[in-house]
C-alpha atoms as a PDB file:
ATOM      1  CA  MET A   1    -122.142  11.523 132.084  1.00  0.00           C
ATOM      2  CA  ASP A   2    -125.230  12.504 129.900  1.00  0.00           C
ATOM      3  CA  HIS A   3    -123.829  15.605 128.835  1.00  0.00           C
ATOM      4  CA  GLU A   4    -126.648  16.918 126.244  1.00  0.00           C
ATOM      5  CA  TYR A   5    -128.392  17.293 129.471  1.00  0.00           C
ATOM      6  CA  TYR A   6    -126.128  19.354 131.016  1.00  0.00           C
ATOM      7  CA  MET A   7    -125.687  21.721 128.364  1.00  0.00           C
ATOM      8  CA  ARG A   8    -129.484  21.857 127.803  1.00  0.00           C
ATOM      9  CA  GLN A   9    -129.099  23.482 132.075  1.00  0.00           C
ATOM     10  CA  ALA A  10    -126.580  25.773 130.838  1.00  0.00           C
ATOM     11  CA  LEU A  11    -128.395  26.909 127.544  1.00  0.00           C
ATOM     12  CA  GLU A  12    -131.174  27.748 129.500  1.00  0.00           C
ATOM     13  CA  LEU A  13    -129.383  29.558 131.612  1.00  0.00           C
ATOM     14  CA  ALA A  14    -128.493  31.141 128.894  1.00  0.00           C
ATOM     15  CA  GLN A  15    -131.312  32.218 127.626  1.00  0.00           C
ATOM     16  CA  GLN A  16    -133.096  33.674 131.121  1.00  0.00           C
ATOM     17  CA  ALA A  17    -129.482  36.081 130.825  1.00  0.00           C
ATOM     18  CA  LEU A  18    -130.545  36.650 127.361  1.00  0.00           C
ATOM     19  CA  PHE A  19    -134.349  37.950 128.505  1.00  0.00           C
ATOM     20  CA  GLU A  20    -132.571  39.746 131.605  1.00  0.00           C
ATOM     21  CA  GLY A  21    -130.987  42.162 128.779  1.00  0.00           C
ATOM     22  CA  GLU A  22    -127.005  40.227 129.540  1.00  0.00           C
ATOM     23  CA  VAL A  23    -125.041  38.657 127.175  1.00  0.00           C
ATOM     24  CA  PRO A  24    -126.554  35.311 127.099  1.00  0.00           C
ATOM     25  CA  VAL A  25    -124.228  32.929 128.355  1.00  0.00           C
ATOM     26  CA  GLY A  26    -125.024  30.132 131.226  1.00  0.00           C
ATOM     27  CA  CYS A  27    -122.859  27.819 132.993  1.00  0.00           C
ATOM     28  CA  VAL A  28    -122.957  24.196 134.831  1.00  0.00           C
ATOM     29  CA  ILE A  29    -120.166  22.839 137.117  1.00  0.00           C
ATOM     30  CA  VAL A  30    -120.762  19.020 137.477  1.00  0.00           C
ATOM     31  CA  GLN A  31    -119.404  16.491 139.329  1.00  0.00           C
ATOM     32  CA  GLY A  32    -119.965  12.877 138.534  1.00  0.00           C
ATOM     33  CA  GLU A  33    -123.989  13.253 137.794  1.00  0.00           C
ATOM     34  CA  ARG A  34    -124.638  15.971 140.120  1.00  0.00           C
ATOM     35  CA  ILE A  35    -124.857  19.885 139.204  1.00  0.00           C
ATOM     36  CA  VAL A  36    -122.766  21.460 142.099  1.00  0.00           C
ATOM     37  CA  GLY A  37    -122.364  24.701 140.434  1.00  0.00           C
ATOM     38  CA  ARG A  38    -124.761  26.878 138.575  1.00  0.00           C
ATOM     39  CA  GLY A  39    -124.625  30.596 137.226  1.00  0.00           C
ATOM     40  CA  ARG A  40    -125.160  33.443 134.190  1.00  0.00           C
ATOM     41  CA  ASN A  41    -124.338  36.215 133.158  1.00  0.00           C
ATOM     42  CA  ARG A  42    -125.190  38.525 135.776  1.00  0.00           C
ATOM     43  CA  ARG A  43    -122.781  41.661 134.406  1.00  0.00           C
ATOM     44  CA  GLU A  44    -125.262  44.294 133.587  1.00  0.00           C
ATOM     45  CA  THR A  45    -127.843  44.211 136.208  1.00  0.00           C
ATOM     46  CA  GLY A  46    -125.783  43.544 138.922  1.00  0.00           C
ATOM     47  CA  ARG A  47    -123.272  46.230 137.464  1.00  0.00           C
ATOM     48  CA  THR A  48    -120.059  44.154 137.304  1.00  0.00           C
ATOM     49  CA  ALA A  49    -116.795  43.196 135.818  1.00  0.00           C
ATOM     50  CA  LEU A  50    -116.970  40.046 137.548  1.00  0.00           C
ATOM     51  CA  GLY A  51    -121.061  39.358 136.569  1.00  0.00           C
ATOM     52  CA  HIS A  52    -119.572  36.063 134.101  1.00  0.00           C
ATOM     53  CA  ALA A  53    -121.714  33.107 134.332  1.00  0.00           C
ATOM     54  CA  GLU A  54    -118.984  31.026 134.823  1.00  0.00           C
ATOM     55  CA  VAL A  55    -117.576  32.800 137.590  1.00  0.00           C
ATOM     56  CA  GLU A  56    -120.787  32.651 139.359  1.00  0.00           C
ATOM     57  CA  ALA A  57    -121.293  29.135 138.678  1.00  0.00           C
ATOM     58  CA  ILE A  58    -117.445  28.349 139.905  1.00  0.00           C
ATOM     59  CA  GLN A  59    -117.890  30.199 143.355  1.00  0.00           C
ATOM     60  CA  ARG A  60    -121.508  28.057 143.840  1.00  0.00           C
ATOM     61  CA  ALA A  61    -119.454  25.092 143.149  1.00  0.00           C
ATOM     62  CA  CYS A  62    -117.124  26.063 145.803  1.00  0.00           C
ATOM     63  CA  GLU A  63    -119.736  26.540 148.216  1.00  0.00           C
ATOM     64  CA  ALA A  64    -121.174  23.491 147.779  1.00  0.00           C
ATOM     65  CA  LEU A  65    -118.434  20.861 147.746  1.00  0.00           C
ATOM     66  CA  GLY A  66    -117.085  23.464 150.839  1.00  0.00           C
ATOM     67  CA  GLY A  67    -113.998  24.004 149.296  1.00  0.00           C
ATOM     68  CA  SER A  68    -111.599  24.786 146.733  1.00  0.00           C
ATOM     69  CA  ILE A  69    -112.658  24.228 142.883  1.00  0.00           C
ATOM     70  CA  VAL A  70    -108.899  24.087 142.338  1.00  0.00           C
ATOM     71  CA  THR A  71    -107.863  21.775 145.240  1.00  0.00           C
ATOM     72  CA  ASP A  72    -111.140  19.931 145.306  1.00  0.00           C
ATOM     73  CA  ALA A  73    -111.974  20.079 141.323  1.00  0.00           C
ATOM     74  CA  PHE A  74    -111.313  16.115 140.449  1.00  0.00           C
ATOM     75  CA  GLY A  75    -114.122  14.724 138.047  1.00  0.00           C
ATOM     76  CA  VAL A  76    -115.293  18.331 137.969  1.00  0.00           C
ATOM     77  CA  VAL A  77    -116.650  19.562 134.735  1.00  0.00           C
ATOM     78  CA  ALA A  78    -117.721  23.068 133.295  1.00  0.00           C
ATOM     79  CA  MET A  79    -120.318  23.254 130.317  1.00  0.00           C
ATOM     80  CA  VAL A  80    -120.756  26.653 129.252  1.00  0.00           C
ATOM     81  CA  ALA A  81    -123.406  27.204 126.744  1.00  0.00           C
ATOM     82  CA  MET A  82    -123.946  30.875 124.479  1.00  0.00           C
ATOM     83  CA  THR A  83    -127.979  30.852 123.203  1.00  0.00           C
ATOM     84  CA  PRO A  84    -127.143  30.393 119.499  1.00  0.00           C
ATOM     85  CA  LEU A  85    -125.650  33.351 117.187  1.00  0.00           C
ATOM     86  CA  LEU A  86    -128.766  33.484 114.640  1.00  0.00           C
ATOM     87  CA  THR A  87    -131.152  34.116 118.123  1.00  0.00           C
ATOM     88  CA  ILE A  88    -128.859  36.929 118.856  1.00  0.00           C
ATOM     89  CA  GLN A  89    -128.722  38.082 115.279  1.00  0.00           C
ATOM     90  CA  LEU A  90    -132.689  37.999 114.979  1.00  0.00           C
ATOM     91  CA  LEU A  91    -132.987  40.414 118.098  1.00  0.00           C
ATOM     92  CA  GLY A  92    -131.009  42.500 116.320  1.00  0.00           C
ATOM     93  CA  LEU A  93    -132.827  42.761 112.996  1.00  0.00           C
ATOM     94  CA  VAL A  94    -136.643  43.023 115.315  1.00  0.00           C
ATOM     95  CA  TYR A  95    -134.864  45.868 116.767  1.00  0.00           C
ATOM     96  CA  GLN A  96    -132.765  47.964 113.588  1.00  0.00           C
ATOM     97  CA  TRP A  97    -136.642  47.433 112.429  1.00  0.00           C
ATOM     98  CA  LYS A  98    -138.419  48.969 115.330  1.00  0.00           C
ATOM     99  CA  VAL A  99    -136.072  51.576 115.047  1.00  0.00           C
ATOM    100  CA  ASN A 100    -136.742  52.198 110.963  1.00  0.00           C
ATOM    101  CA  LYS A 101    -140.678  52.522 111.668  1.00  0.00           C
ATOM    102  CA  ALA A 102    -140.413  54.805 114.630  1.00  0.00           C
ATOM    103  CA  LYS A 103    -138.007  56.964 112.474  1.00  0.00           C
ATOM    104  CA  LEU A 104    -140.756  56.460 109.543  1.00  0.00           C
ATOM    105  CA  ALA A 105    -143.128  57.693 111.657  1.00  0.00           C
ATOM    106  CA  GLN A 106    -141.350  60.558 112.922  1.00  0.00           C
ATOM    107  CA  ALA A 107    -140.768  61.618 109.021  1.00  0.00           C
ATOM    108  CA  ALA A 108    -144.841  61.615 108.405  1.00  0.00           C
ATOM    109  CA  GLU A 109    -145.707  63.554 111.141  1.00  0.00           C
ATOM    110  CA  ASP A 110    -142.881  66.248 110.198  1.00  0.00           C
ATOM    111  CA  GLU A 111    -144.327  66.541 106.448  1.00  0.00           C
ATOM    112  CA  GLU A 112    -147.735  67.256 107.944  1.00  0.00           C
ATOM    113  CA  ILE A 113    -146.639  70.314 108.923  1.00  0.00           C
ATOM    114  CA  ILE A 114    -147.729  73.327 107.204  1.00  0.00           C
ATOM    115  CA  ASP A 115    -145.485  76.299 107.243  1.00  0.00           C
ATOM    116  CA  LEU A 116    -147.017  79.092 106.435  1.00  0.00           C
ATOM    117  CA  ALA A 117    -144.289  82.003 106.203  1.00  0.00           C
ATOM    118  CA  TYR A 118    -144.111  81.692 103.162  1.00  0.00           C
END
């Protein structure tokens, strides 16, 4: 089993979740050399507490295997990946920079107002 390949697949799903504004988690479920389930976080877009990558991947694996992953789980491996924390931290910094830039622009506009009440 090529673990790196399957982890890359899970990481790609995590990146898709991130681009959709979700917590960047992806999951693939593998049986033998075949991916039988894929999932990514959809809690925000789906507005559901059950929108976790693992839950989605398990559901799809059950459909693919034609039964219960619990009873038919021999040789099944779940691989879960989250995009690197550094990516999330950098996005937070970019967001904070944009907020600060907007605040500075607003403050500059406010200073241009001349108070003639004196």
